[in-house]
Protein backbone atom coordinates (compact mmCIF):
# COMPACT_ATOMS: atom_id res chain seq x y z
CA MET A 1 0.00 0.00 0.00
CA LYS A 2 1.25 3.46 -0.91
CA GLU A 3 2.36 5.92 1.76
CA ASN A 4 0.45 9.01 2.89
CA ILE A 5 -3.00 7.51 2.41
CA THR A 6 -4.34 9.80 5.14
CA GLU A 7 -3.20 12.95 3.31
CA ARG A 8 -4.69 11.67 0.05
CA MET A 9 -7.93 10.84 1.80
CA LEU A 10 -8.22 14.31 3.32
CA GLU A 11 -7.59 15.91 -0.08
CA PHE A 12 -10.37 13.71 -1.49
CA ILE A 13 -12.80 14.79 1.23
CA ASP A 14 -11.93 18.48 0.84
CA SER A 15 -12.72 18.16 -2.89
CA CYS A 16 -16.07 16.42 -2.33
CA PRO A 17 -18.53 18.71 -0.53
CA THR A 18 -21.59 16.65 -1.61
CA ALA A 19 -22.57 13.13 -2.63
CA PHE A 20 -22.56 14.26 -6.27
CA HIS A 21 -18.92 15.27 -5.98
CA VAL A 22 -18.03 11.93 -4.35
CA ALA A 23 -19.49 9.95 -7.25
CA GLY A 24 -18.00 12.38 -9.77
CA ARG A 25 -14.51 12.17 -8.25
CA ILE A 26 -14.61 8.35 -8.17
CA ARG A 27 -15.79 8.32 -11.78
CA GLU A 28 -12.79 10.46 -12.77
CA GLU A 29 -10.37 8.15 -10.94
CA LEU A 30 -11.84 5.06 -12.59
CA LEU A 31 -11.70 6.54 -16.07
CA LYS A 32 -8.02 7.39 -15.53
CA ARG A 33 -7.45 3.70 -14.82
CA ASP A 34 -9.25 2.56 -17.99
CA PHE A 35 -12.44 1.33 -16.34
CA THR A 36 -15.33 1.06 -18.79
CA GLU A 37 -18.39 3.17 -17.96
CA LEU A 38 -21.70 1.35 -18.30
CA LYS A 39 -25.14 2.91 -18.66
CA GLU A 40 -28.26 1.49 -17.04
CA THR A 41 -30.21 2.57 -20.13
CA GLU A 42 -28.09 0.40 -22.43
CA GLU A 43 -27.49 -3.34 -22.79
CA TRP A 44 -24.27 -4.65 -21.26
CA SER A 45 -21.76 -6.89 -22.99
CA LEU A 46 -19.19 -7.88 -20.38
CA LYS A 47 -16.06 -9.99 -20.21
CA SER A 48 -13.08 -10.10 -17.89
CA GLY A 49 -12.17 -6.50 -17.03
CA ASN A 50 -13.01 -3.40 -15.02
CA TYR A 51 -16.33 -1.54 -15.12
CA PHE A 52 -18.53 0.96 -13.28
CA VAL A 53 -22.07 2.28 -13.38
CA THR A 54 -23.65 5.32 -11.70
CA ARG A 55 -27.18 6.16 -10.62
CA ASN A 56 -28.54 9.66 -9.96
CA ASP A 57 -24.99 11.08 -10.23
CA SER A 58 -24.62 10.34 -6.50
CA ALA A 59 -24.25 6.55 -6.23
CA ILE A 60 -21.65 4.46 -8.02
CA ILE A 61 -20.87 0.74 -8.27
CA SER A 62 -17.51 -0.30 -9.69
CA PHE A 63 -16.37 -3.87 -10.22
CA LYS A 64 -13.55 -6.07 -11.49
CA ILE A 65 -14.40 -9.35 -13.23
CA PRO A 66 -11.60 -11.92 -12.88
CA LYS A 67 -10.10 -13.76 -15.82
CA LYS A 68 -11.63 -17.12 -14.91
CA ASP A 69 -15.17 -18.07 -13.98
CA PHE A 70 -15.95 -16.67 -10.55
CA LYS A 71 -17.39 -18.17 -7.38
CA GLY A 72 -19.25 -15.14 -6.09
CA PHE A 73 -19.02 -11.45 -5.25
CA HIS A 74 -16.81 -9.69 -2.70
CA MET A 75 -18.35 -6.31 -1.87
CA ILE A 76 -17.55 -3.33 0.34
CA ALA A 77 -20.42 -0.86 0.75
CA SER A 78 -20.21 2.71 2.05
CA HIS A 79 -22.23 5.89 1.52
CA SER A 80 -21.60 9.22 -0.20
CA ASP A 81 -23.92 11.52 1.76
CA SER A 82 -23.49 13.34 5.07
CA PRO A 83 -25.89 15.38 7.25
CA SER A 84 -26.27 18.95 6.01
CA PHE A 85 -28.82 21.61 5.11
CA LYS A 86 -30.52 21.51 1.71
CA ILE A 87 -31.37 24.71 -0.12
CA LYS A 88 -35.13 25.04 -0.61
CA GLU A 89 -36.89 26.30 -3.69
CA ASN A 90 -37.05 30.11 -3.90
CA PRO A 91 -34.38 30.30 -1.20
CA GLU A 92 -33.82 34.04 -0.70
CA MET A 93 -35.48 35.50 2.41
CA PRO A 94 -35.20 39.27 3.10
CA SER A 95 -34.79 39.91 6.84
CA CYS A 96 -35.05 43.01 9.05
CA GLY A 97 -34.98 45.25 5.99
CA ALA A 98 -31.18 44.90 6.03
CA TYR A 99 -30.24 41.28 5.25
CA VAL A 100 -30.91 38.35 2.95
CA ARG A 101 -30.92 34.85 4.41
CA LEU A 102 -31.33 31.51 2.62
CA ASN A 103 -34.25 29.21 3.31
CA VAL A 104 -32.92 25.71 4.07
CA GLU A 105 -34.15 22.44 5.57
CA LYS A 106 -32.32 19.75 7.52
CA TYR A 107 -30.95 16.73 5.66
CA GLY A 108 -30.24 13.89 8.06
CA GLY A 109 -29.69 14.03 11.80
CA MET A 110 -26.91 16.51 12.45
CA LEU A 111 -25.41 18.29 15.43
CA CYS A 112 -26.68 21.84 14.85
CA ALA A 113 -24.47 23.87 17.20
CA PRO A 114 -21.16 23.37 15.32
CA TRP A 115 -22.65 24.91 12.17
CA PHE A 116 -22.61 28.35 13.79
CA ASP A 117 -19.85 30.95 13.38
CA ARG A 118 -17.83 29.21 10.69
CA PRO A 119 -17.57 29.97 6.95
CA LEU A 120 -20.02 28.03 4.80
CA SER A 121 -20.76 27.72 1.13
CA VAL A 122 -23.04 25.90 -1.32
CA ALA A 123 -22.42 22.92 -3.60
CA GLY A 124 -24.37 20.20 -5.38
CA ARG A 125 -26.05 19.69 -8.73
CA LEU A 126 -27.81 21.94 -11.21
CA ILE A 127 -30.10 20.75 -14.00
CA THR A 128 -30.18 23.10 -16.98
CA GLU A 129 -32.01 23.21 -20.30
CA ASP A 130 -29.68 22.60 -23.24
CA GLU A 131 -31.29 22.57 -26.70
CA GLY A 132 -34.55 21.23 -25.31
CA LYS A 133 -32.89 18.59 -23.13
CA ALA A 134 -32.07 18.48 -19.42
CA ARG A 135 -28.37 18.43 -18.54
CA ALA A 136 -26.72 17.92 -15.13
CA HIS A 137 -23.82 20.05 -13.84
CA LEU A 138 -21.72 19.73 -10.71
CA VAL A 139 -21.37 23.02 -8.90
CA ASN A 140 -19.27 24.25 -5.99
CA VAL A 141 -19.21 27.91 -5.00
CA ASP A 142 -15.59 27.61 -3.93
CA ARG A 143 -15.39 30.61 -1.61
CA ASP A 144 -16.64 31.68 1.81
CA LEU A 145 -20.21 32.66 1.01
CA LEU A 146 -22.45 32.17 4.06
CA MET A 147 -22.46 32.24 7.86
CA LEU A 148 -24.78 31.29 10.70
CA PRO A 149 -24.04 33.98 13.33
CA SER A 150 -24.76 33.02 16.94
CA LEU A 151 -26.94 35.18 19.15
CA ALA A 152 -24.71 37.09 21.60
CA ILE A 153 -24.50 35.81 25.15
CA HIS A 154 -25.82 39.20 26.33
CA MET A 155 -29.14 38.45 24.59
CA ASN A 156 -29.39 34.85 25.75
CA ARG A 157 -27.80 34.42 29.18
CA GLU A 158 -28.87 30.75 29.22
CA ALA A 159 -27.07 29.91 25.97
CA ASN A 160 -24.40 27.86 27.75
CA ASP A 161 -27.08 25.83 29.50
CA GLY A 162 -28.03 24.26 26.18
CA CYS A 163 -30.17 25.36 23.24
CA LYS A 164 -32.99 23.80 21.29
CA TYR A 165 -32.66 24.94 17.69
CA ASN A 166 -35.63 25.69 15.46
CA ALA A 167 -34.63 24.72 11.91
CA GLN A 168 -36.92 27.33 10.31
CA LYS A 169 -35.83 30.20 12.56
CA ASP A 170 -32.34 29.58 13.90
CA MET A 171 -30.62 27.68 11.09
CA LEU A 172 -31.07 29.99 8.07
CA PRO A 173 -27.63 31.21 6.92
CA LEU A 174 -26.87 34.86 6.26
CA PHE A 175 -26.17 35.45 2.55
CA GLY A 176 -25.71 39.22 2.26
CA ASP A 177 -27.10 42.67 2.87
CA LYS A 178 -30.26 44.00 1.25
CA ASP A 179 -28.39 44.77 -1.98
CA SER A 180 -27.69 41.04 -2.46
CA GLU A 181 -31.34 40.23 -3.15
CA ASP A 182 -31.91 38.19 -6.34
CA ARG A 183 -28.18 37.43 -6.66
CA PHE A 184 -27.96 33.90 -5.23
CA PHE A 185 -28.55 32.06 -8.48
CA ASP A 186 -26.31 34.53 -10.34
CA ILE A 187 -23.46 33.37 -8.09
CA VAL A 188 -24.37 29.68 -8.40
CA ALA A 189 -24.71 29.87 -12.19
CA GLU A 190 -21.35 31.62 -12.53
CA ALA A 191 -19.66 28.92 -10.41
CA ALA A 192 -21.17 26.21 -12.60
CA GLY A 193 -20.35 28.01 -15.85
CA VAL A 194 -23.98 28.07 -16.99
CA ASP A 195 -26.56 30.68 -17.90
CA LYS A 196 -28.78 31.51 -14.93
CA ASP A 197 -31.88 31.52 -17.12
CA SER A 198 -31.17 27.93 -18.24
CA ILE A 199 -31.45 26.52 -14.70
CA LEU A 200 -34.45 24.21 -14.42
CA SER A 201 -33.88 22.71 -10.98
CA HIS A 202 -31.25 22.09 -8.34
CA ASP A 203 -30.00 19.87 -5.51
CA LEU A 204 -27.85 22.26 -3.46
CA PHE A 205 -26.46 21.82 0.05
CA LEU A 206 -24.55 23.86 2.59
CA TYR A 207 -21.05 22.70 3.48
CA ASN A 208 -18.40 23.69 5.98
CA ARG A 209 -15.47 25.57 4.43
CA VAL A 210 -12.93 24.75 7.17
CA ARG A 211 -10.39 22.45 5.55
CA SER A 212 -9.21 19.18 7.03
CA THR A 213 -6.19 19.02 9.32
CA VAL A 214 -3.81 16.58 10.99
CA TRP A 215 -3.20 17.43 14.66
CA GLY A 216 -2.30 16.09 18.12
CA ALA A 217 0.95 15.72 20.06
CA ASP A 218 2.31 13.35 17.41
CA GLY A 219 -0.11 14.06 14.56
CA GLU A 220 -2.24 11.15 15.70
CA TYR A 221 -5.62 12.75 14.95
CA ILE A 222 -7.38 14.14 11.91
CA SER A 223 -10.36 16.46 11.72
CA SER A 224 -12.48 17.07 8.66
CA SER A 225 -15.98 17.45 7.38
CA ARG A 226 -17.77 14.30 6.20
CA LEU A 227 -15.46 11.67 7.72
CA ASP A 228 -18.73 9.78 8.10
CA ASP A 229 -18.66 8.22 5.59
CA GLN A 230 -16.16 9.48 3.04
CA GLU A 231 -13.34 7.98 5.12
CA CYS A 232 -14.67 4.48 4.42
CA VAL A 233 -15.47 5.39 0.79
CA TYR A 234 -11.90 6.46 0.09
CA CYS A 235 -10.01 3.80 2.05
CA SER A 236 -11.99 0.93 0.56
CA LEU A 237 -11.52 2.48 -2.90
CA GLU A 238 -7.74 2.47 -2.42
CA GLY A 239 -7.79 -1.25 -1.60
CA PHE A 240 -10.14 -1.97 -4.49
CA LEU A 241 -7.93 -0.21 -7.04
CA GLU A 242 -4.79 -1.98 -5.85
CA ALA A 243 -6.25 -5.51 -5.77
CA GLU A 244 -6.44 -8.06 -8.60
CA PRO A 245 -9.31 -10.48 -7.93
CA VAL A 246 -8.91 -14.20 -8.68
CA ASP A 247 -12.00 -16.17 -7.67
CA TYR A 248 -14.55 -13.46 -6.88
CA VAL A 249 -15.90 -10.37 -8.63
CA ALA A 250 -14.51 -7.44 -6.62
CA MET A 251 -17.16 -4.75 -6.10
CA HIS A 252 -16.89 -1.27 -4.58
CA LEU A 253 -20.36 0.05 -3.69
CA VAL A 254 -21.15 3.66 -2.82
CA PHE A 255 -24.80 4.37 -2.06
CA ASP A 256 -26.49 7.72 -1.42
CA ASN A 257 -29.11 8.80 1.12
CA GLU A 258 -27.98 6.59 4.02
CA GLU A 259 -28.44 9.54 6.36
CA VAL A 260 -32.16 9.71 5.53
CA GLY A 261 -32.97 5.99 5.53
CA SER A 262 -31.63 4.70 2.18
CA THR A 263 -35.14 4.30 0.70
CA THR A 264 -34.42 6.07 -2.59
CA LYS A 265 -33.61 4.76 -6.06
CA GLN A 266 -29.91 5.36 -5.32
CA GLY A 267 -29.95 4.15 -1.71
CA ALA A 268 -28.96 0.82 -0.19
CA ALA A 269 -32.63 -0.21 -0.02
CA SER A 270 -33.03 0.26 -3.78
CA SER A 271 -32.62 -2.29 -6.56
CA PHE A 272 -29.31 -0.72 -7.69
CA LEU A 273 -27.09 -3.50 -6.34
CA LYS A 274 -29.48 -6.32 -7.25
CA ASP A 275 -29.91 -4.97 -10.79
CA THR A 276 -26.14 -4.70 -11.23
CA LEU A 277 -25.44 -8.22 -9.95
CA GLU A 278 -28.10 -9.76 -12.17
CA ARG A 279 -26.85 -7.89 -15.22
CA ILE A 280 -23.27 -9.03 -14.60
CA ASN A 281 -24.44 -12.63 -14.35
CA GLU A 282 -26.67 -12.48 -17.43
CA SER A 283 -24.17 -10.61 -19.58
CA LEU A 284 -21.55 -13.28 -18.93
CA GLY A 285 -23.96 -16.00 -20.10
CA ARG A 286 -24.40 -17.55 -16.68
CA THR A 287 -27.63 -19.27 -15.64
CA ARG A 288 -30.05 -18.30 -12.87
CA GLN A 289 -28.80 -21.29 -10.86
CA GLN A 290 -25.22 -20.05 -11.21
CA TYR A 291 -26.34 -16.63 -10.01
CA LEU A 292 -28.00 -18.02 -6.91
CA THR A 293 -25.00 -20.18 -6.02
CA ALA A 294 -22.73 -17.15 -6.50
CA ILE A 295 -24.89 -15.06 -4.14
CA ALA A 296 -24.74 -17.87 -1.57
CA ASP A 297 -20.92 -17.79 -1.78
CA SER A 298 -20.65 -13.98 -1.58
CA PHE A 299 -19.64 -11.65 1.24
CA MET A 300 -20.28 -7.97 1.98
CA ILE A 301 -18.41 -5.58 4.25
CA SER A 302 -20.74 -2.76 5.28
CA ALA A 303 -18.30 0.07 6.04
CA ASP A 304 -19.71 3.02 7.98
CA ASN A 305 -17.79 4.79 10.73
CA ALA A 306 -18.16 3.88 14.40
CA HIS A 307 -18.28 5.82 17.67
CA ALA A 308 -15.02 6.12 19.59
CA VAL A 309 -15.23 6.38 23.37
CA HIS A 310 -15.37 10.09 24.22
CA PRO A 311 -12.73 11.44 26.65
CA ALA A 312 -15.36 13.39 28.61
CA TYR A 313 -18.25 10.92 28.33
CA SER A 314 -16.89 7.43 28.87
CA ASP A 315 -20.18 6.61 30.61
CA LYS A 316 -21.91 6.80 27.22
CA ALA A 317 -19.92 3.81 25.93
CA ASP A 318 -20.42 0.11 26.59
CA PRO A 319 -18.32 -0.95 29.61
CA VAL A 320 -16.16 -3.40 27.62
CA ASN A 321 -16.76 -2.65 23.93
CA ALA A 322 -15.57 0.95 23.67
CA PRO A 323 -13.28 1.41 20.63
CA VAL A 324 -10.61 4.09 20.42
CA MET A 325 -9.18 6.08 17.53
CA ASN A 326 -6.09 4.46 15.97
CA GLY A 327 -7.05 1.17 17.64
CA GLY A 328 -7.86 -0.55 14.37
CA ILE A 329 -10.98 -1.43 12.40
CA VAL A 330 -14.15 -1.56 14.50
CA ILE A 331 -16.46 -4.57 14.17
CA LYS A 332 -19.99 -3.48 15.09
CA TYR A 333 -22.52 -5.76 16.81
CA ASN A 334 -26.22 -5.41 17.66
CA ALA A 335 -28.48 -8.14 18.99
CA ASN A 336 -31.47 -6.70 17.12
CA GLN A 337 -29.54 -6.84 13.84
CA LYS A 338 -29.34 -3.10 13.28
CA TYR A 339 -25.81 -4.24 12.48
CA THR A 340 -25.64 -7.49 10.52
CA THR A 341 -22.52 -8.92 12.17
CA ASP A 342 -22.97 -12.47 13.44
CA ALA A 343 -20.54 -15.15 14.60
CA VAL A 344 -19.85 -16.38 11.07
CA SER A 345 -19.25 -12.98 9.43
CA ALA A 346 -17.23 -11.74 12.42
CA ALA A 347 -15.00 -14.81 12.35
CA TYR A 348 -14.34 -14.46 8.63
CA PHE A 349 -13.57 -10.77 9.01
CA LYS A 350 -11.17 -11.37 11.92
CA LEU A 351 -9.29 -13.94 9.84
CA MET A 352 -8.94 -11.37 7.05
CA CYS A 353 -7.65 -8.78 9.52
CA LYS A 354 -5.02 -11.24 10.72
CA GLU A 355 -3.99 -12.00 7.14
CA ALA A 356 -3.74 -8.26 6.38
CA GLY A 357 -1.82 -7.65 9.61
CA VAL A 358 -4.22 -4.97 10.87
CA PRO A 359 -5.72 -4.64 14.36
CA PHE A 360 -9.44 -4.82 15.06
CA GLN A 361 -11.70 -3.88 17.97
CA THR A 362 -15.38 -4.18 18.79
CA PHE A 363 -18.34 -1.84 19.31
CA THR A 364 -21.73 -2.38 20.89
CA ASN A 365 -24.12 0.22 22.21
CA ARG A 366 -24.85 0.38 25.91
CA SER A 367 -27.76 -1.97 26.52
CA ASP A 368 -29.92 0.98 27.60
CA VAL A 369 -29.12 3.07 24.49
CA ALA A 370 -30.79 2.48 21.14
CA GLY A 371 -28.46 2.46 18.14
CA GLY A 372 -29.04 3.38 14.53
CA SER A 373 -28.88 1.13 11.49
CA THR A 374 -26.60 1.38 8.48
CA LEU A 375 -26.05 -0.08 5.01
CA GLY A 376 -25.69 -3.77 5.81
CA ASN A 377 -29.10 -4.70 7.14
CA ILE A 378 -30.79 -2.44 4.58
CA SER A 379 -29.01 -3.75 1.47
CA THR A 380 -29.54 -7.39 2.47
CA THR A 381 -33.29 -6.90 2.05
CA GLN A 382 -32.50 -6.77 -1.67
CA VAL A 383 -29.52 -9.17 -1.87
CA SER A 384 -29.09 -11.70 0.94
CA VAL A 385 -25.39 -12.32 1.55
CA ASN A 386 -23.22 -12.88 4.61
CA THR A 387 -22.38 -9.39 5.89
CA VAL A 388 -20.26 -7.81 8.59
CA ASP A 389 -20.72 -4.21 9.76
CA ILE A 390 -17.48 -2.34 10.40
CA GLY A 391 -16.12 1.20 10.53
CA LEU A 392 -13.29 3.38 11.78
CA ALA A 393 -13.59 4.98 15.22
CA GLN A 394 -14.39 8.69 15.33
CA LEU A 395 -15.63 11.46 17.59
CA ALA A 396 -18.28 14.14 16.94
CA MET A 397 -20.20 12.03 14.44
CA HIS A 398 -22.67 14.15 12.41
CA SER A 399 -20.88 17.38 13.26
CA PRO A 400 -19.78 19.50 10.27
CA TYR A 401 -16.23 18.93 11.57
CA GLU A 402 -15.50 15.42 12.83
CA THR A 403 -12.41 13.81 14.39
CA ALA A 404 -10.73 10.43 13.82
CA GLY A 405 -7.37 8.68 14.02
CA SER A 406 -4.65 9.38 11.46
CA ARG A 407 -3.39 5.78 11.42
CA ASP A 408 -6.72 4.01 10.90
CA PRO A 409 -7.13 4.77 7.15
CA GLU A 410 -4.11 2.61 6.34
CA TYR A 411 -5.66 -0.31 8.25
CA LEU A 412 -8.90 -0.24 6.25
CA ALA A 413 -7.14 0.16 2.89
CA ALA A 414 -4.85 -2.79 3.64
CA LEU A 415 -7.79 -4.94 4.74
CA ALA A 416 -9.76 -4.03 1.62
CA GLN A 417 -6.90 -5.06 -0.64
CA VAL A 418 -6.64 -8.49 1.02
CA PHE A 419 -10.42 -8.97 0.90
CA TYR A 420 -10.71 -8.11 -2.78
CA ARG A 421 -7.86 -10.29 -3.97
CA LYS A 422 -8.83 -13.43 -1.99
C-alpha cells in the first residue's frame, strides 16, 4: 500500500462537498485507470475487465471481473452523503430590511451547534435546459459565502445551559445585505459556468469551508468534514484499485441517502445493487442457478464509521466494547440486527484482519441506548449475503467537523486489498 494515504484521503474529502462530488470524483479516478463506464439505459456486454455504473450522479458501483469463472461477489459498501442543510426552492429570504438569508431544511440528523460561526458555502447539482434537453452540472461555489451567526451571550444568558434549535428560525444562513437580493442564483450559475436563465432545478447543500487538518501531540488525529462516511469510501476504494481479484468479482459500492434511511432509487434499499449483480451474471452468459450459487458464496463488508469512546463521556460507551481512535478497524454488533454482524461474518472478518496484519476492535451500544442502522441490514433486504458491519472509530459524528485517528485509514485500505484479492 502506498504511503500518505491519510493525506490523500483528506484531499479527497476536501474536494467532495456533496454526494454528487463523491461519485464524480470516483468516476474520474476510474476513467483514468481505464475502467469502462456502463449505462443502465443500455445493454451490457461484459467480459473479464473493469467496469462501473452510476445512478442519480450520487451513487456508483464499480467492479472487477476476474479472468476465470468466478465463485461469487466480494463487496464493500459505504455511503456518499453526510448530514447537512438543503437549499429550498425560492431560497432568498429578506430579513429586518437589512439582510438576505437563505431558506434551508435539515438533511439527516446533524449536530446543529457546530454549524454556527464558521464559513459556509453551497455545492451540489444543477439541471439546466440545453437545446430542449435536461443536462446535469456539478457546482461548488468555492469561496466563503455564508455564515450562521450566533446570538450574543448578552441576549441569551442561558445559551451555555443548552439550546434547542428551530430549523426554520435559527438555522437559516446569512447570505448578504439587502443589496444582495436576487443574486444567489447569479453566483451559483457563474460557479457552474452556466446561464442563470437555463437553470431548471437544483440539488444544493450547505457545506463547511474549514479544511481538514492533521493534529495532536504526534499528529495522531485528523479532523475534517464528512469523515462519516467518506473515510470508508476512500479507504476501501484504495484497496479496491490496488487488488487483482482471482475467484470473486470485486465490487466497490457507494450508495447515497444513508443519512435519511436509504429508501431512494440510489440508496442501499433500492434495486441498484441487485440490478447490477443480475446484469453481470446475465451478460456473462451464466444461468439463474449459477447466479443463486454465486450469491450464496458472496460476502459484503458494510463500512460506515463507528463511535469512539469520548474522553469526557466514557459513561456513554459500553463498559467493555468501547473502541478508540487508531485502535484498528471496528467490528460493530447489535443483537437486534441493526448491524448485521454475526458469529460467522465476524470470524471471517477477523481472519482477514489477521492476514492483512491490521488490528481490530469491537463496538456495541450500551444496553440501555438504542443504536441506529446502516447499510448492511438495509441492502440485504435486496440481496441476501453474509455481511459484517465495520467502521473506523471517530468522535463528533454528524458534526460539520468530525475527528478520527490518522493511522486508521491505512488499516482499512490494507484490509480491503486483502479482501478483494482473496
